[in-house]
Amino acid sequence: MGGTFACGPEPEDAVAATQEAPPADEPDNEDEVSSIAYIGTATAEGGVNLRSSPSADHRAVGKTTSNQVFHVISQDEKTNWYCVEMPDDSEAWISNKKVTFAPNN
């Protein structure tokens, strides 16, 4: 995933996690296919900010184009914002009020 921590642990937790040695029985294979289980898709209005965290108080990391479709990775329990996969495989948050969500069947 592009190396961002948008949908995962907070950066300080992620730094601590990277300092731990990986288990010896797990190969380090960068060519491995992602095992993300998407929960659905989100179709965005144009010009919607994509954020680093699930709140308008956090920095914008991009903007949507009209009818842009994203894979949804998760939904924040407090704000209901969606964590989406960006075209460059990084992750960002988008307001649930600015998209049409379609769950996987």
C-alpha atoms as a PDB file:
ATOM      1  CA  MET A   1       0.000   0.000   0.000  1.00  0.00           C
ATOM      2  CA  GLY A   2       1.995   3.092  -0.860  1.00  0.00           C
ATOM      3  CA  GLY A   3       3.508   3.264   2.645  1.00  0.00           C
ATOM      4  CA  THR A   4       0.883   5.500   4.221  1.00  0.00           C
ATOM      5  CA  PHE A   5      -0.829   4.912   7.538  1.00  0.00           C
ATOM      6  CA  ALA A   6      -4.155   6.555   6.725  1.00  0.00           C
ATOM      7  CA  CYS A   7      -6.361   3.561   7.488  1.00  0.00           C
ATOM      8  CA  GLY A   8      -4.035   1.655   9.768  1.00  0.00           C
ATOM      9  CA  PRO A   9      -2.500   2.468  13.126  1.00  0.00           C
ATOM     10  CA  GLU A  10      -1.485   5.972  14.056  1.00  0.00           C
ATOM     11  CA  PRO A  11       2.044   6.814  12.851  1.00  0.00           C
ATOM     12  CA  GLU A  12       3.618   6.516  16.325  1.00  0.00           C
ATOM     13  CA  ASP A  13       2.185   3.000  16.659  1.00  0.00           C
ATOM     14  CA  ALA A  14       3.349   2.139  13.171  1.00  0.00           C
ATOM     15  CA  VAL A  15       6.899   3.275  13.934  1.00  0.00           C
ATOM     16  CA  ALA A  16       6.990   1.039  16.988  1.00  0.00           C
ATOM     17  CA  ALA A  17       5.610  -1.851  14.938  1.00  0.00           C
ATOM     18  CA  THR A  18       8.309  -1.456  12.282  1.00  0.00           C
ATOM     19  CA  GLN A  19      11.010  -1.717  14.937  1.00  0.00           C
ATOM     20  CA  GLU A  20       9.930  -5.254  15.809  1.00  0.00           C
ATOM     21  CA  ALA A  21      11.582  -8.075  13.882  1.00  0.00           C
ATOM     22  CA  PRO A  22       9.256  -9.986  11.534  1.00  0.00           C
ATOM     23  CA  PRO A  23       8.518 -13.598  12.474  1.00  0.00           C
ATOM     24  CA  ALA A  24      11.127 -15.968  11.045  1.00  0.00           C
ATOM     25  CA  ASP A  25       8.517 -18.160   9.345  1.00  0.00           C
ATOM     26  CA  GLU A  26       7.051 -15.308   7.244  1.00  0.00           C
ATOM     27  CA  PRO A  27       8.937 -14.534   4.014  1.00  0.00           C
ATOM     28  CA  ASP A  28       9.489 -10.890   3.075  1.00  0.00           C
ATOM     29  CA  ASN A  29       7.988 -10.878  -0.420  1.00  0.00           C
ATOM     30  CA  GLU A  30       7.348  -7.421  -1.868  1.00  0.00           C
ATOM     31  CA  ASP A  31       5.740  -8.943  -4.972  1.00  0.00           C
ATOM     32  CA  GLU A  32       3.035 -10.579  -2.863  1.00  0.00           C
ATOM     33  CA  VAL A  33      -0.534  -9.732  -3.882  1.00  0.00           C
ATOM     34  CA  SER A  34      -2.427  -7.544  -1.419  1.00  0.00           C
ATOM     35  CA  SER A  35      -4.819  -9.413   0.851  1.00  0.00           C
ATOM     36  CA  ILE A  36      -7.117  -6.458   1.522  1.00  0.00           C
ATOM     37  CA  ALA A  37     -10.763  -7.432   1.786  1.00  0.00           C
ATOM     38  CA  TYR A  38     -12.722  -4.481   0.437  1.00  0.00           C
ATOM     39  CA  ILE A  39     -16.116  -3.843   2.015  1.00  0.00           C
ATOM     40  CA  GLY A  40     -17.534  -2.114  -1.060  1.00  0.00           C
ATOM     41  CA  THR A  41     -17.089   0.831  -3.392  1.00  0.00           C
ATOM     42  CA  ALA A  42     -17.672   4.541  -2.968  1.00  0.00           C
ATOM     43  CA  THR A  43     -18.550   6.856  -5.849  1.00  0.00           C
ATOM     44  CA  ALA A  44     -17.567  10.423  -5.023  1.00  0.00           C
ATOM     45  CA  GLU A  45     -18.846  13.805  -6.050  1.00  0.00           C
ATOM     46  CA  GLY A  46     -16.254  15.986  -7.777  1.00  0.00           C
ATOM     47  CA  GLY A  47     -13.919  18.194  -5.753  1.00  0.00           C
ATOM     48  CA  VAL A  48     -14.268  16.330  -2.451  1.00  0.00           C
ATOM     49  CA  ASN A  49     -11.206  16.430  -0.215  1.00  0.00           C
ATOM     50  CA  LEU A  50      -9.496  13.168   0.631  1.00  0.00           C
ATOM     51  CA  ARG A  51      -8.026  13.395   4.139  1.00  0.00           C
ATOM     52  CA  SER A  52      -5.165  11.877   6.129  1.00  0.00           C
ATOM     53  CA  SER A  53      -7.565  11.000   8.979  1.00  0.00           C
ATOM     54  CA  PRO A  54     -11.365  10.679   9.267  1.00  0.00           C
ATOM     55  CA  SER A  55     -12.128  14.330   9.998  1.00  0.00           C
ATOM     56  CA  ALA A  56     -12.291  17.629   8.110  1.00  0.00           C
ATOM     57  CA  ASP A  57      -9.835  18.920  10.734  1.00  0.00           C
ATOM     58  CA  HIS A  58      -7.021  16.851   9.187  1.00  0.00           C
ATOM     59  CA  ARG A  59      -4.942  17.745   6.145  1.00  0.00           C
ATOM     60  CA  ALA A  60      -6.207  17.105   2.640  1.00  0.00           C
ATOM     61  CA  VAL A  61      -4.121  14.607   0.664  1.00  0.00           C
ATOM     62  CA  GLY A  62      -6.052  14.919  -2.596  1.00  0.00           C
ATOM     63  CA  LYS A  63      -9.351  15.765  -4.298  1.00  0.00           C
ATOM     64  CA  THR A  64     -11.814  13.590  -6.147  1.00  0.00           C
ATOM     65  CA  THR A  65     -12.982  13.945  -9.700  1.00  0.00           C
ATOM     66  CA  SER A  66     -16.669  13.733 -10.585  1.00  0.00           C
ATOM     67  CA  ASN A  67     -18.001  10.172 -10.258  1.00  0.00           C
ATOM     68  CA  GLN A  68     -14.608   8.807  -9.177  1.00  0.00           C
ATOM     69  CA  VAL A  69     -14.936   5.284  -7.777  1.00  0.00           C
ATOM     70  CA  PHE A  70     -12.828   4.014  -4.859  1.00  0.00           C
ATOM     71  CA  HIS A  71     -12.466   0.634  -3.194  1.00  0.00           C
ATOM     72  CA  VAL A  72     -13.567   1.016   0.433  1.00  0.00           C
ATOM     73  CA  ILE A  73     -11.252  -0.645   2.951  1.00  0.00           C
ATOM     74  CA  SER A  74     -13.045   0.231   6.184  1.00  0.00           C
ATOM     75  CA  GLN A  75     -15.357   2.688   7.908  1.00  0.00           C
ATOM     76  CA  ASP A  76     -14.527   4.689  11.029  1.00  0.00           C
ATOM     77  CA  GLU A  77     -16.880   3.797  13.887  1.00  0.00           C
ATOM     78  CA  LYS A  78     -16.981   7.335  15.326  1.00  0.00           C
ATOM     79  CA  THR A  79     -17.239   9.536  12.234  1.00  0.00           C
ATOM     80  CA  ASN A  80     -18.590   7.001   9.698  1.00  0.00           C
ATOM     81  CA  TRP A  81     -16.007   8.248   7.173  1.00  0.00           C
ATOM     82  CA  TYR A  82     -14.725   5.697   4.660  1.00  0.00           C
ATOM     83  CA  CYS A  83     -11.106   4.662   4.286  1.00  0.00           C
ATOM     84  CA  VAL A  84     -10.485   4.248   0.552  1.00  0.00           C
ATOM     85  CA  GLU A  85      -7.706   3.003  -1.670  1.00  0.00           C
ATOM     86  CA  MET A  86      -6.300   5.736  -3.902  1.00  0.00           C
ATOM     87  CA  PRO A  87      -5.235   5.163  -7.535  1.00  0.00           C
ATOM     88  CA  ASP A  88      -1.561   5.075  -6.400  1.00  0.00           C
ATOM     89  CA  ASP A  89      -2.411   2.305  -3.860  1.00  0.00           C
ATOM     90  CA  SER A  90      -2.099   4.674  -0.900  1.00  0.00           C
ATOM     91  CA  GLU A  91      -5.001   5.155   1.500  1.00  0.00           C
ATOM     92  CA  ALA A  92      -7.091   8.187   2.438  1.00  0.00           C
ATOM     93  CA  TRP A  93     -10.324   9.060   4.215  1.00  0.00           C
ATOM     94  CA  ILE A  94     -13.454  10.531   2.625  1.00  0.00           C
ATOM     95  CA  SER A  95     -16.662  11.793   4.232  1.00  0.00           C
ATOM     96  CA  ASN A  96     -19.546   9.338   4.072  1.00  0.00           C
ATOM     97  CA  LYS A  97     -21.779  12.334   3.252  1.00  0.00           C
ATOM     98  CA  LYS A  98     -19.947  13.003  -0.010  1.00  0.00           C
ATOM     99  CA  VAL A  99     -20.113   9.549  -1.587  1.00  0.00           C
ATOM    100  CA  THR A 100     -22.581   6.897  -2.643  1.00  0.00           C
ATOM    101  CA  PHE A 101     -21.586   3.624  -1.003  1.00  0.00           C
ATOM    102  CA  ALA A 102     -22.262   0.225  -2.579  1.00  0.00           C
ATOM    103  CA  PRO A 103     -21.475  -2.739  -0.310  1.00  0.00           C
ATOM    104  CA  ASN A 104     -19.992  -5.957  -1.659  1.00  0.00           C
ATOM    105  CA  ASN A 105     -22.549  -8.693  -2.089  1.00  0.00           C
END
